[in-house]
Amino acid sequence: MEILLKPEHQQFIEAQIASGKFTNASEVVDAAFCLLEKLNNEYSQWIEETREKVDVARAELDRGEGLDGETVVNRILERFQQAREAHK
């Protein structure tokens, strides 16, 4: 497979090699793919965890355990006020 790089990407790769962190372009590209894979995995995990939290919250609301929006906002404002007073 042949890939054409934008000049700025080529310069970045060359700078990484010049820094001594990598010995060749393949190492830089390998590291980039590892980071991309890690990012994708973390994002997928975040999506799954968020879906689970939404499911739990829906179940709580169905059982009447939820709080109305005004109560939530007031609690947040109280926390901000307490934090502000603590830093005076």
N, C-alpha and C. Protein backbone atom coordinates (compact mmCIF):
# COMPACT_ATOMS: atom_id res chain seq x y z
N MET A 1 0.84 -1.17 0.00
CA MET A 1 0.00 0.00 0.00
C MET A 1 0.89 1.24 0.00
N GLU A 2 0.54 2.16 -0.83
CA GLU A 2 1.29 3.41 -0.89
C GLU A 2 0.41 4.52 -0.35
N ILE A 3 0.98 5.32 0.54
CA ILE A 3 0.23 6.42 1.14
C ILE A 3 0.98 7.72 0.88
N LEU A 4 0.24 8.71 0.42
CA LEU A 4 0.83 10.02 0.22
C LEU A 4 0.53 10.88 1.44
N LEU A 5 1.57 11.43 2.03
CA LEU A 5 1.41 12.25 3.23
C LEU A 5 1.36 13.72 2.87
N LYS A 6 0.60 14.46 3.63
CA LYS A 6 0.62 15.92 3.52
C LYS A 6 1.99 16.38 3.98
N PRO A 7 2.46 17.49 3.45
CA PRO A 7 3.80 17.98 3.86
C PRO A 7 3.94 18.15 5.37
N GLU A 8 2.90 18.65 6.02
CA GLU A 8 3.00 18.86 7.46
C GLU A 8 3.09 17.55 8.22
N HIS A 9 2.47 16.48 7.71
CA HIS A 9 2.58 15.18 8.35
C HIS A 9 3.99 14.61 8.15
N GLN A 10 4.51 14.78 6.97
CA GLN A 10 5.88 14.32 6.71
C GLN A 10 6.86 15.06 7.61
N GLN A 11 6.67 16.36 7.77
CA GLN A 11 7.54 17.16 8.63
C GLN A 11 7.43 16.69 10.08
N PHE A 12 6.22 16.36 10.50
CA PHE A 12 6.03 15.87 11.87
C PHE A 12 6.78 14.56 12.08
N ILE A 13 6.66 13.65 11.13
CA ILE A 13 7.36 12.37 11.23
C ILE A 13 8.87 12.59 11.27
N GLU A 14 9.35 13.45 10.40
CA GLU A 14 10.78 13.73 10.37
C GLU A 14 11.25 14.36 11.69
N ALA A 15 10.42 15.22 12.27
CA ALA A 15 10.77 15.84 13.56
C ALA A 15 10.81 14.80 14.67
N GLN A 16 9.91 13.84 14.64
CA GLN A 16 9.91 12.78 15.65
C GLN A 16 11.17 11.93 15.54
N ILE A 17 11.57 11.63 14.33
CA ILE A 17 12.80 10.86 14.13
C ILE A 17 14.01 11.68 14.58
N ALA A 18 14.02 12.96 14.22
CA ALA A 18 15.14 13.84 14.60
C ALA A 18 15.24 14.00 16.11
N SER A 19 14.12 13.90 16.81
CA SER A 19 14.14 14.05 18.27
C SER A 19 14.79 12.85 18.96
N GLY A 20 14.95 11.76 18.22
CA GLY A 20 15.53 10.56 18.80
C GLY A 20 14.52 9.63 19.43
N LYS A 21 13.26 10.01 19.42
CA LYS A 21 12.21 9.16 20.01
C LYS A 21 11.93 7.93 19.15
N PHE A 22 12.18 8.07 17.84
CA PHE A 22 11.92 6.99 16.90
C PHE A 22 13.10 6.89 15.95
N THR A 23 13.31 5.69 15.42
CA THR A 23 14.45 5.50 14.51
C THR A 23 14.05 5.56 13.05
N ASN A 24 12.74 5.40 12.77
CA ASN A 24 12.30 5.47 11.38
C ASN A 24 10.81 5.82 11.31
N ALA A 25 10.34 6.09 10.10
CA ALA A 25 8.96 6.51 9.90
C ALA A 25 7.97 5.42 10.30
N SER A 26 8.33 4.17 10.10
CA SER A 26 7.42 3.07 10.46
C SER A 26 7.12 3.07 11.95
N GLU A 27 8.11 3.35 12.76
CA GLU A 27 7.89 3.41 14.21
C GLU A 27 6.93 4.53 14.58
N VAL A 28 7.07 5.67 13.92
CA VAL A 28 6.17 6.80 14.19
C VAL A 28 4.75 6.43 13.80
N VAL A 29 4.58 5.84 12.63
CA VAL A 29 3.25 5.45 12.17
C VAL A 29 2.66 4.37 13.07
N ASP A 30 3.47 3.42 13.50
CA ASP A 30 3.00 2.38 14.42
C ASP A 30 2.49 3.00 15.72
N ALA A 31 3.25 3.96 16.25
CA ALA A 31 2.84 4.63 17.49
C ALA A 31 1.53 5.38 17.28
N ALA A 32 1.40 6.02 16.14
CA ALA A 32 0.16 6.76 15.83
C ALA A 32 -1.03 5.82 15.77
N PHE A 33 -0.85 4.66 15.14
CA PHE A 33 -1.95 3.69 15.06
C PHE A 33 -2.29 3.13 16.44
N CYS A 34 -1.29 2.91 17.26
CA CYS A 34 -1.56 2.43 18.63
C CYS A 34 -2.39 3.46 19.40
N LEU A 35 -2.03 4.73 19.26
CA LEU A 35 -2.78 5.77 19.95
C LEU A 35 -4.20 5.88 19.41
N LEU A 36 -4.35 5.76 18.11
CA LEU A 36 -5.69 5.81 17.50
C LEU A 36 -6.54 4.65 17.98
N GLU A 37 -5.94 3.47 18.04
CA GLU A 37 -6.67 2.30 18.53
C GLU A 37 -7.08 2.49 19.99
N LYS A 38 -6.17 3.01 20.80
CA LYS A 38 -6.47 3.26 22.21
C LYS A 38 -7.61 4.28 22.34
N LEU A 39 -7.55 5.33 21.56
CA LEU A 39 -8.60 6.35 21.57
C LEU A 39 -9.95 5.76 21.19
N ASN A 40 -9.97 4.95 20.14
CA ASN A 40 -11.21 4.31 19.71
C ASN A 40 -11.75 3.37 20.78
N ASN A 41 -10.87 2.60 21.41
CA ASN A 41 -11.30 1.69 22.47
C ASN A 41 -11.85 2.45 23.67
N GLU A 42 -11.18 3.52 24.05
CA GLU A 42 -11.65 4.32 25.19
C GLU A 42 -12.99 4.96 24.87
N TYR A 43 -13.15 5.43 23.64
CA TYR A 43 -14.42 6.05 23.24
C TYR A 43 -15.54 5.00 23.26
N SER A 44 -15.25 3.83 22.74
CA SER A 44 -16.26 2.77 22.75
C SER A 44 -16.64 2.39 24.18
N GLN A 45 -15.66 2.33 25.05
CA GLN A 45 -15.92 2.01 26.46
C GLN A 45 -16.76 3.11 27.09
N TRP A 46 -16.44 4.39 26.79
CA TRP A 46 -17.19 5.51 27.33
C TRP A 46 -18.64 5.44 26.86
N ILE A 47 -18.85 5.13 25.59
CA ILE A 47 -20.22 5.00 25.05
C ILE A 47 -20.98 3.92 25.80
N GLU A 48 -20.35 2.77 25.99
CA GLU A 48 -21.01 1.67 26.68
C GLU A 48 -21.34 2.04 28.13
N GLU A 49 -20.39 2.66 28.83
CA GLU A 49 -20.63 3.07 30.21
C GLU A 49 -21.75 4.11 30.29
N THR A 50 -21.77 5.03 29.34
CA THR A 50 -22.81 6.06 29.32
C THR A 50 -24.17 5.44 29.07
N ARG A 51 -24.24 4.50 28.15
CA ARG A 51 -25.51 3.80 27.89
C ARG A 51 -26.00 3.08 29.15
N GLU A 52 -25.08 2.44 29.86
CA GLU A 52 -25.46 1.74 31.09
C GLU A 52 -25.99 2.73 32.13
N LYS A 53 -25.34 3.88 32.27
CA LYS A 53 -25.79 4.88 33.22
C LYS A 53 -27.17 5.42 32.84
N VAL A 54 -27.41 5.60 31.54
CA VAL A 54 -28.71 6.06 31.08
C VAL A 54 -29.78 5.02 31.40
N ASP A 55 -29.45 3.76 31.18
CA ASP A 55 -30.41 2.68 31.50
C ASP A 55 -30.74 2.67 32.99
N VAL A 56 -29.73 2.83 33.83
CA VAL A 56 -29.95 2.87 35.28
C VAL A 56 -30.82 4.07 35.63
N ALA A 57 -30.52 5.21 35.04
CA ALA A 57 -31.30 6.42 35.34
C ALA A 57 -32.74 6.28 34.89
N ARG A 58 -32.95 5.68 33.72
CA ARG A 58 -34.33 5.45 33.25
C ARG A 58 -35.09 4.56 34.22
N ALA A 59 -34.43 3.51 34.68
CA ALA A 59 -35.09 2.60 35.62
C ALA A 59 -35.43 3.33 36.92
N GLU A 60 -34.52 4.19 37.38
CA GLU A 60 -34.79 4.96 38.60
C GLU A 60 -35.98 5.89 38.38
N LEU A 61 -36.03 6.54 37.23
CA LEU A 61 -37.16 7.41 36.94
C LEU A 61 -38.47 6.64 36.86
N ASP A 62 -38.41 5.46 36.26
CA ASP A 62 -39.61 4.62 36.17
C ASP A 62 -40.12 4.23 37.56
N ARG A 63 -39.19 4.11 38.53
CA ARG A 63 -39.58 3.77 39.90
C ARG A 63 -39.92 5.02 40.72
N GLY A 64 -39.86 6.18 40.09
CA GLY A 64 -40.18 7.42 40.80
C GLY A 64 -39.06 7.94 41.67
N GLU A 65 -37.83 7.51 41.41
CA GLU A 65 -36.70 7.89 42.23
C GLU A 65 -35.97 9.13 41.74
N GLY A 66 -36.41 9.71 40.64
CA GLY A 66 -35.70 10.84 40.06
C GLY A 66 -35.98 12.14 40.77
N LEU A 67 -35.19 13.15 40.46
CA LEU A 67 -35.36 14.49 41.00
C LEU A 67 -35.81 15.41 39.88
N ASP A 68 -36.62 16.41 40.23
CA ASP A 68 -37.02 17.36 39.21
C ASP A 68 -35.84 18.29 38.89
N GLY A 69 -35.87 18.90 37.74
CA GLY A 69 -34.77 19.74 37.27
C GLY A 69 -34.45 20.89 38.20
N GLU A 70 -35.48 21.52 38.77
CA GLU A 70 -35.26 22.65 39.67
C GLU A 70 -34.46 22.23 40.90
N THR A 71 -34.78 21.09 41.45
CA THR A 71 -34.06 20.58 42.62
C THR A 71 -32.59 20.34 42.27
N VAL A 72 -32.34 19.73 41.13
CA VAL A 72 -30.97 19.45 40.70
C VAL A 72 -30.19 20.75 40.53
N VAL A 73 -30.78 21.71 39.85
CA VAL A 73 -30.10 22.99 39.62
C VAL A 73 -29.82 23.69 40.95
N ASN A 74 -30.79 23.68 41.86
CA ASN A 74 -30.57 24.32 43.16
C ASN A 74 -29.44 23.65 43.94
N ARG A 75 -29.35 22.34 43.86
CA ARG A 75 -28.25 21.64 44.55
C ARG A 75 -26.90 22.02 43.95
N ILE A 76 -26.86 22.12 42.63
CA ILE A 76 -25.60 22.52 41.97
C ILE A 76 -25.22 23.93 42.40
N LEU A 77 -26.20 24.84 42.40
CA LEU A 77 -25.93 26.22 42.82
C LEU A 77 -25.45 26.27 44.26
N GLU A 78 -26.03 25.46 45.13
CA GLU A 78 -25.58 25.40 46.53
C GLU A 78 -24.13 24.95 46.63
N ARG A 79 -23.76 23.95 45.83
CA ARG A 79 -22.36 23.48 45.84
C ARG A 79 -21.41 24.56 45.37
N PHE A 80 -21.80 25.29 44.32
CA PHE A 80 -20.97 26.40 43.84
C PHE A 80 -20.81 27.45 44.93
N GLN A 81 -21.90 27.79 45.60
CA GLN A 81 -21.85 28.78 46.67
C GLN A 81 -20.94 28.31 47.80
N GLN A 82 -21.06 27.05 48.19
CA GLN A 82 -20.21 26.51 49.25
C GLN A 82 -18.74 26.54 48.84
N ALA A 83 -18.46 26.19 47.60
CA ALA A 83 -17.07 26.20 47.12
C ALA A 83 -16.54 27.62 47.09
N ARG A 84 -17.37 28.57 46.68
CA ARG A 84 -16.95 29.97 46.63
C ARG A 84 -16.63 30.47 48.03
N GLU A 85 -17.48 30.15 49.00
CA GLU A 85 -17.27 30.58 50.38
C GLU A 85 -16.03 29.92 50.98
N ALA A 86 -15.76 28.69 50.62
CA ALA A 86 -14.59 27.98 51.14
C ALA A 86 -13.28 28.59 50.64
N HIS A 87 -13.32 29.26 49.48
CA HIS A 87 -12.10 29.83 48.90
C HIS A 87 -11.92 31.30 49.23
N LYS A 88 -12.73 31.84 50.10
CA LYS A 88 -12.58 33.26 50.48
C LYS A 88 -11.51 33.42 51.51
